[in-house]
Amino acid sequence: MKVQFSISFTLSIRLIIVKTLIRQVKFHIIYAKTLFLLSLADINKLRVYFNNLSNIIVTLKGDILVI
């Protein structure tokens, strides 16, 4: 699978599904110097949002502190 960042593409080397505090989430493993990315499309699909002033993910079931 190809993953797009801005105007360039990279290949996904593996797909894993992880049970998180939000729900099961698909993560594409790629070669990049970024530890973790959550796209706006994924945030909308999960029905959550990130509050960057208090570093929490707000969900329908409650807030999750991001460390």
PDB file of N, CA and C in Angstrom:
ATOM      1  N   MET A   1       0.841  -1.177   0.000  1.00  0.00           N
ATOM      2  CA  MET A   1       0.000   0.000   0.000  1.00  0.00           C
ATOM      3  C   MET A   1       0.882   1.235   0.000  1.00  0.00           C
ATOM      4  N   LYS A   2       0.479   2.268  -0.736  1.00  0.00           N
ATOM      5  CA  LYS A   2       1.198   3.528  -0.743  1.00  0.00           C
ATOM      6  C   LYS A   2       0.557   4.496   0.237  1.00  0.00           C
ATOM      7  N   VAL A   3       1.387   5.207   0.993  1.00  0.00           N
ATOM      8  CA  VAL A   3       0.936   6.207   1.948  1.00  0.00           C
ATOM      9  C   VAL A   3       1.452   7.555   1.481  1.00  0.00           C
ATOM     10  N   GLN A   4       0.611   8.567   1.500  1.00  0.00           N
ATOM     11  CA  GLN A   4       1.016   9.881   0.999  1.00  0.00           C
ATOM     12  C   GLN A   4       1.252  10.853   2.138  1.00  0.00           C
ATOM     13  N   PHE A   5       2.399  11.540   2.080  1.00  0.00           N
ATOM     14  CA  PHE A   5       2.738  12.632   2.982  1.00  0.00           C
ATOM     15  C   PHE A   5       2.965  13.862   2.124  1.00  0.00           C
ATOM     16  N   SER A   6       2.133  14.864   2.288  1.00  0.00           N
ATOM     17  CA  SER A   6       2.243  16.083   1.494  1.00  0.00           C
ATOM     18  C   SER A   6       2.209  15.729   0.017  1.00  0.00           C
ATOM     19  N   ILE A   7       3.327  15.910  -0.704  1.00  0.00           N
ATOM     20  CA  ILE A   7       3.323  15.621  -2.137  1.00  0.00           C
ATOM     21  C   ILE A   7       4.082  14.352  -2.490  1.00  0.00           C
ATOM     22  N   SER A   8       4.665  13.673  -1.512  1.00  0.00           N
ATOM     23  CA  SER A   8       5.437  12.465  -1.810  1.00  0.00           C
ATOM     24  C   SER A   8       4.756  11.219  -1.235  1.00  0.00           C
ATOM     25  N   PHE A   9       5.145  10.067  -1.759  1.00  0.00           N
ATOM     26  CA  PHE A   9       4.589   8.776  -1.332  1.00  0.00           C
ATOM     27  C   PHE A   9       5.673   7.909  -0.714  1.00  0.00           C
ATOM     28  N   THR A  10       5.277   6.990   0.146  1.00  0.00           N
ATOM     29  CA  THR A  10       6.166   5.955   0.662  1.00  0.00           C
ATOM     30  C   THR A  10       5.370   4.655   0.721  1.00  0.00           C
ATOM     31  N   LEU A  11       6.063   3.543   0.745  1.00  0.00           N
ATOM     32  CA  LEU A  11       5.397   2.247   0.792  1.00  0.00           C
ATOM     33  C   LEU A  11       5.227   1.772   2.226  1.00  0.00           C
ATOM     34  N   SER A  12       4.076   1.199   2.501  1.00  0.00           N
ATOM     35  CA  SER A  12       3.830   0.576   3.793  1.00  0.00           C
ATOM     36  C   SER A  12       4.520  -0.788   3.786  1.00  0.00           C
ATOM     37  N   ILE A  13       5.348  -1.057   4.816  1.00  0.00           N
ATOM     38  CA  ILE A  13       6.062  -2.339   4.852  1.00  0.00           C
ATOM     39  C   ILE A  13       5.315  -3.398   5.655  1.00  0.00           C
ATOM     40  N   ARG A  14       4.349  -2.961   6.453  1.00  0.00           N
ATOM     41  CA  ARG A  14       3.551  -3.907   7.243  1.00  0.00           C
ATOM     42  C   ARG A  14       2.318  -3.201   7.785  1.00  0.00           C
ATOM     43  N   LEU A  15       1.270  -3.950   7.994  1.00  0.00           N
ATOM     44  CA  LEU A  15       0.044  -3.450   8.590  1.00  0.00           C
ATOM     45  C   LEU A  15      -0.210  -4.233   9.868  1.00  0.00           C
ATOM     46  N   ILE A  16      -0.454  -3.526  10.961  1.00  0.00           N
ATOM     47  CA  ILE A  16      -0.799  -4.192  12.217  1.00  0.00           C
ATOM     48  C   ILE A  16      -2.096  -3.587  12.748  1.00  0.00           C
ATOM     49  N   ILE A  17      -2.822  -4.360  13.513  1.00  0.00           N
ATOM     50  CA  ILE A  17      -4.046  -3.890  14.162  1.00  0.00           C
ATOM     51  C   ILE A  17      -3.804  -3.944  15.662  1.00  0.00           C
ATOM     52  N   VAL A  18      -3.979  -2.793  16.322  1.00  0.00           N
ATOM     53  CA  VAL A  18      -3.680  -2.668  17.741  1.00  0.00           C
ATOM     54  C   VAL A  18      -4.946  -2.261  18.487  1.00  0.00           C
ATOM     55  N   LYS A  19      -5.236  -2.948  19.570  1.00  0.00           N
ATOM     56  CA  LYS A  19      -6.361  -2.569  20.422  1.00  0.00           C
ATOM     57  C   LYS A  19      -5.898  -1.400  21.283  1.00  0.00           C
ATOM     58  N   THR A  20      -6.515  -0.232  21.086  1.00  0.00           N
ATOM     59  CA  THR A  20      -6.154   0.971  21.833  1.00  0.00           C
ATOM     60  C   THR A  20      -7.275   1.327  22.790  1.00  0.00           C
ATOM     61  N   LEU A  21      -7.083   2.394  23.544  1.00  0.00           N
ATOM     62  CA  LEU A  21      -8.132   2.853  24.454  1.00  0.00           C
ATOM     63  C   LEU A  21      -9.341   3.371  23.688  1.00  0.00           C
ATOM     64  N   ILE A  22      -9.149   3.760  22.416  1.00  0.00           N
ATOM     65  CA  ILE A  22     -10.262   4.239  21.601  1.00  0.00           C
ATOM     66  C   ILE A  22     -11.024   3.053  21.034  1.00  0.00           C
ATOM     67  N   ARG A  23     -10.330   2.182  20.298  1.00  0.00           N
ATOM     68  CA  ARG A  23     -10.847   0.936  19.726  1.00  0.00           C
ATOM     69  C   ARG A  23      -9.711   0.296  18.946  1.00  0.00           C
ATOM     70  N   GLN A  24      -9.972  -0.771  18.218  1.00  0.00           N
ATOM     71  CA  GLN A  24      -8.927  -1.362  17.391  1.00  0.00           C
ATOM     72  C   GLN A  24      -8.607  -0.414  16.246  1.00  0.00           C
ATOM     73  N   VAL A  25      -7.307  -0.177  16.039  1.00  0.00           N
ATOM     74  CA  VAL A  25      -6.854   0.769  15.026  1.00  0.00           C
ATOM     75  C   VAL A  25      -5.830   0.092  14.139  1.00  0.00           C
ATOM     76  N   LYS A  26      -5.944   0.311  12.818  1.00  0.00           N
ATOM     77  CA  LYS A  26      -4.952  -0.194  11.866  1.00  0.00           C
ATOM     78  C   LYS A  26      -3.794   0.787  11.788  1.00  0.00           C
ATOM     79  N   PHE A  27      -2.569   0.266  11.928  1.00  0.00           N
ATOM     80  CA  PHE A  27      -1.370   1.082  11.791  1.00  0.00           C
ATOM     81  C   PHE A  27      -0.552   0.553  10.630  1.00  0.00           C
ATOM     82  N   HIS A  28      -0.140   1.444   9.742  1.00  0.00           N
ATOM     83  CA  HIS A  28       0.749   1.092   8.641  1.00  0.00           C
ATOM     84  C   HIS A  28       2.171   1.404   9.080  1.00  0.00           C
ATOM     85  N   ILE A  29       3.034   0.408   9.040  1.00  0.00           N
ATOM     86  CA  ILE A  29       4.430   0.579   9.413  1.00  0.00           C
ATOM     87  C   ILE A  29       5.182   1.034   8.170  1.00  0.00           C
ATOM     88  N   ILE A  30       5.900   2.145   8.299  1.00  0.00           N
ATOM     89  CA  ILE A  30       6.655   2.693   7.174  1.00  0.00           C
ATOM     90  C   ILE A  30       8.057   3.068   7.646  1.00  0.00           C
ATOM     91  N   TYR A  31       8.945   3.284   6.692  1.00  0.00           N
ATOM     92  CA  TYR A  31      10.260   3.824   7.008  1.00  0.00           C
ATOM     93  C   TYR A  31      10.143   5.341   7.057  1.00  0.00           C
ATOM     94  N   ALA A  32      10.212   5.921   8.262  1.00  0.00           N
ATOM     95  CA  ALA A  32      10.128   7.366   8.429  1.00  0.00           C
ATOM     96  C   ALA A  32      10.705   7.744   9.784  1.00  0.00           C
ATOM     97  N   LYS A  33      11.076   8.987   9.913  1.00  0.00           N
ATOM     98  CA  LYS A  33      11.624   9.483  11.178  1.00  0.00           C
ATOM     99  C   LYS A  33      10.524  10.028  12.090  1.00  0.00           C
ATOM    100  N   THR A  34       9.305   9.646  11.830  1.00  0.00           N
ATOM    101  CA  THR A  34       8.160  10.070  12.629  1.00  0.00           C
ATOM    102  C   THR A  34       7.690   8.887  13.463  1.00  0.00           C
ATOM    103  N   LEU A  35       7.506   9.101  14.751  1.00  0.00           N
ATOM    104  CA  LEU A  35       7.123   8.004  15.640  1.00  0.00           C
ATOM    105  C   LEU A  35       5.687   7.546  15.417  1.00  0.00           C
ATOM    106  N   PHE A  36       4.771   8.491  15.183  1.00  0.00           N
ATOM    107  CA  PHE A  36       3.356   8.131  15.128  1.00  0.00           C
ATOM    108  C   PHE A  36       2.603   9.211  14.379  1.00  0.00           C
ATOM    109  N   LEU A  37       1.720   8.806  13.489  1.00  0.00           N
ATOM    110  CA  LEU A  37       0.863   9.744  12.760  1.00  0.00           C
ATOM    111  C   LEU A  37      -0.578   9.278  12.844  1.00  0.00           C
ATOM    112  N   LEU A  38      -1.479  10.208  13.062  1.00  0.00           N
ATOM    113  CA  LEU A  38      -2.906   9.917  13.035  1.00  0.00           C
ATOM    114  C   LEU A  38      -3.531  10.943  12.103  1.00  0.00           C
ATOM    115  N   SER A  39      -4.037  10.486  10.981  1.00  0.00           N
ATOM    116  CA  SER A  39      -4.539  11.403   9.954  1.00  0.00           C
ATOM    117  C   SER A  39      -5.901  11.973  10.333  1.00  0.00           C
ATOM    118  N   LEU A  40      -6.260  13.078   9.694  1.00  0.00           N
ATOM    119  CA  LEU A  40      -7.572  13.673   9.931  1.00  0.00           C
ATOM    120  C   LEU A  40      -8.688  12.715   9.534  1.00  0.00           C
ATOM    121  N   ALA A  41      -8.477  11.953   8.466  1.00  0.00           N
ATOM    122  CA  ALA A  41      -9.490  10.971   8.051  1.00  0.00           C
ATOM    123  C   ALA A  41      -9.688   9.916   9.140  1.00  0.00           C
ATOM    124  N   ASP A  42      -8.586   9.454   9.748  1.00  0.00           N
ATOM    125  CA  ASP A  42      -8.689   8.461  10.825  1.00  0.00           C
ATOM    126  C   ASP A  42      -9.350   9.055  12.062  1.00  0.00           C
ATOM    127  N   ILE A  43      -9.002  10.289  12.388  1.00  0.00           N
ATOM    128  CA  ILE A  43      -9.620  10.945  13.541  1.00  0.00           C
ATOM    129  C   ILE A  43     -11.132  11.050  13.336  1.00  0.00           C
ATOM    130  N   ASN A  44     -11.542  11.427  12.131  1.00  0.00           N
ATOM    131  CA  ASN A  44     -12.982  11.514  11.846  1.00  0.00           C
ATOM    132  C   ASN A  44     -13.650  10.148  11.906  1.00  0.00           C
ATOM    133  N   LYS A  45     -12.987   9.132  11.375  1.00  0.00           N
ATOM    134  CA  LYS A  45     -13.542   7.775  11.388  1.00  0.00           C
ATOM    135  C   LYS A  45     -13.705   7.261  12.819  1.00  0.00           C
ATOM    136  N   LEU A  46     -12.740   7.589  13.693  1.00  0.00           N
ATOM    137  CA  LEU A  46     -12.798   7.155  15.087  1.00  0.00           C
ATOM    138  C   LEU A  46     -13.715   8.028  15.942  1.00  0.00           C
ATOM    139  N   ARG A  47     -14.182   9.157  15.386  1.00  0.00           N
ATOM    140  CA  ARG A  47     -15.047  10.103  16.089  1.00  0.00           C
ATOM    141  C   ARG A  47     -14.396  10.622  17.366  1.00  0.00           C
ATOM    142  N   VAL A  48     -13.142  11.070  17.223  1.00  0.00           N
ATOM    143  CA  VAL A  48     -12.381  11.635  18.332  1.00  0.00           C
ATOM    144  C   VAL A  48     -11.756  12.944  17.866  1.00  0.00           C
ATOM    145  N   TYR A  49     -11.204  13.705  18.804  1.00  0.00           N
ATOM    146  CA  TYR A  49     -10.368  14.842  18.422  1.00  0.00           C
ATOM    147  C   TYR A  49      -9.273  15.024  19.453  1.00  0.00           C
ATOM    148  N   PHE A  50      -8.183  15.654  19.007  1.00  0.00           N
ATOM    149  CA  PHE A  50      -7.033  15.894  19.868  1.00  0.00           C
ATOM    150  C   PHE A  50      -7.069  17.328  20.355  1.00  0.00           C
ATOM    151  N   ASN A  51      -7.073  17.511  21.668  1.00  0.00           N
ATOM    152  CA  ASN A  51      -7.005  18.834  22.272  1.00  0.00           C
ATOM    153  C   ASN A  51      -5.540  19.113  22.573  1.00  0.00           C
ATOM    154  N   ASN A  52      -4.899  19.926  21.721  1.00  0.00           N
ATOM    155  CA  ASN A  52      -3.466  20.151  21.878  1.00  0.00           C
ATOM    156  C   ASN A  52      -3.136  21.118  23.015  1.00  0.00           C
ATOM    157  N   LEU A  53      -4.107  21.797  23.597  1.00  0.00           N
ATOM    158  CA  LEU A  53      -3.830  22.671  24.741  1.00  0.00           C
ATOM    159  C   LEU A  53      -3.665  21.868  26.029  1.00  0.00           C
ATOM    160  N   SER A  54      -4.393  20.761  26.139  1.00  0.00           N
ATOM    161  CA  SER A  54      -4.286  19.929  27.346  1.00  0.00           C
ATOM    162  C   SER A  54      -3.713  18.548  27.052  1.00  0.00           C
ATOM    163  N   ASN A  55      -3.313  18.291  25.785  1.00  0.00           N
ATOM    164  CA  ASN A  55      -2.732  17.002  25.377  1.00  0.00           C
ATOM    165  C   ASN A  55      -3.618  15.811  25.730  1.00  0.00           C
ATOM    166  N   ILE A  56      -4.873  15.892  25.315  1.00  0.00           N
ATOM    167  CA  ILE A  56      -5.785  14.773  25.513  1.00  0.00           C
ATOM    168  C   ILE A  56      -6.492  14.460  24.199  1.00  0.00           C
ATOM    169  N   ILE A  57      -6.850  13.188  24.046  1.00  0.00           N
ATOM    170  CA  ILE A  57      -7.726  12.771  22.966  1.00  0.00           C
ATOM    171  C   ILE A  57      -9.118  12.667  23.566  1.00  0.00           C
ATOM    172  N   VAL A  58     -10.054  13.398  22.995  1.00  0.00           N
ATOM    173  CA  VAL A  58     -11.422  13.433  23.500  1.00  0.00           C
ATOM    174  C   VAL A  58     -12.238  12.414  22.708  1.00  0.00           C
ATOM    175  N   THR A  59     -12.857  11.457  23.411  1.00  0.00           N
ATOM    176  CA  THR A  59     -13.676  10.419  22.788  1.00  0.00           C
ATOM    177  C   THR A  59     -15.076  10.482  23.358  1.00  0.00           C
ATOM    178  N   LEU A  60     -15.977   9.713  22.759  1.00  0.00           N
ATOM    179  CA  LEU A  60     -17.341   9.653  23.281  1.00  0.00           C
ATOM    180  C   LEU A  60     -17.393   9.005  24.655  1.00  0.00           C
ATOM    181  N   LYS A  61     -16.413   8.141  24.964  1.00  0.00           N
ATOM    182  CA  LYS A  61     -16.394   7.426  26.243  1.00  0.00           C
ATOM    183  C   LYS A  61     -15.592   8.132  27.316  1.00  0.00           C
ATOM    184  N   GLY A  62     -14.875   9.199  26.959  1.00  0.00           N
ATOM    185  CA  GLY A  62     -14.061   9.910  27.933  1.00  0.00           C
ATOM    186  C   GLY A  62     -12.755  10.375  27.324  1.00  0.00           C
ATOM    187  N   ASP A  63     -11.981  11.086  28.113  1.00  0.00           N
ATOM    188  CA  ASP A  63     -10.725  11.663  27.650  1.00  0.00           C
ATOM    189  C   ASP A  63      -9.549  10.724  27.899  1.00  0.00           C
ATOM    190  N   ILE A  64      -8.541  10.790  27.016  1.00  0.00           N
ATOM    191  CA  ILE A  64      -7.344   9.966  27.136  1.00  0.00           C
ATOM    192  C   ILE A  64      -6.142  10.897  27.113  1.00  0.00           C
ATOM    193  N   LEU A  65      -5.358  10.867  28.174  1.00  0.00           N
ATOM    194  CA  LEU A  65      -4.158  11.695  28.259  1.00  0.00           C
ATOM    195  C   LEU A  65      -3.094  11.188  27.295  1.00  0.00           C
ATOM    196  N   VAL A  66      -2.491  12.098  26.534  1.00  0.00           N
ATOM    197  CA  VAL A  66      -1.422  11.754  25.605  1.00  0.00           C
ATOM    198  C   VAL A  66      -0.107  12.177  26.235  1.00  0.00           C
ATOM    199  N   ILE A  67       0.797  11.218  26.400  1.00  0.00           N
ATOM    200  CA  ILE A  67       2.097  11.495  27.038  1.00  0.00           C
ATOM    201  C   ILE A  67       3.179  11.401  25.989  1.00  0.00           C
TER     202      ILE A  67
END
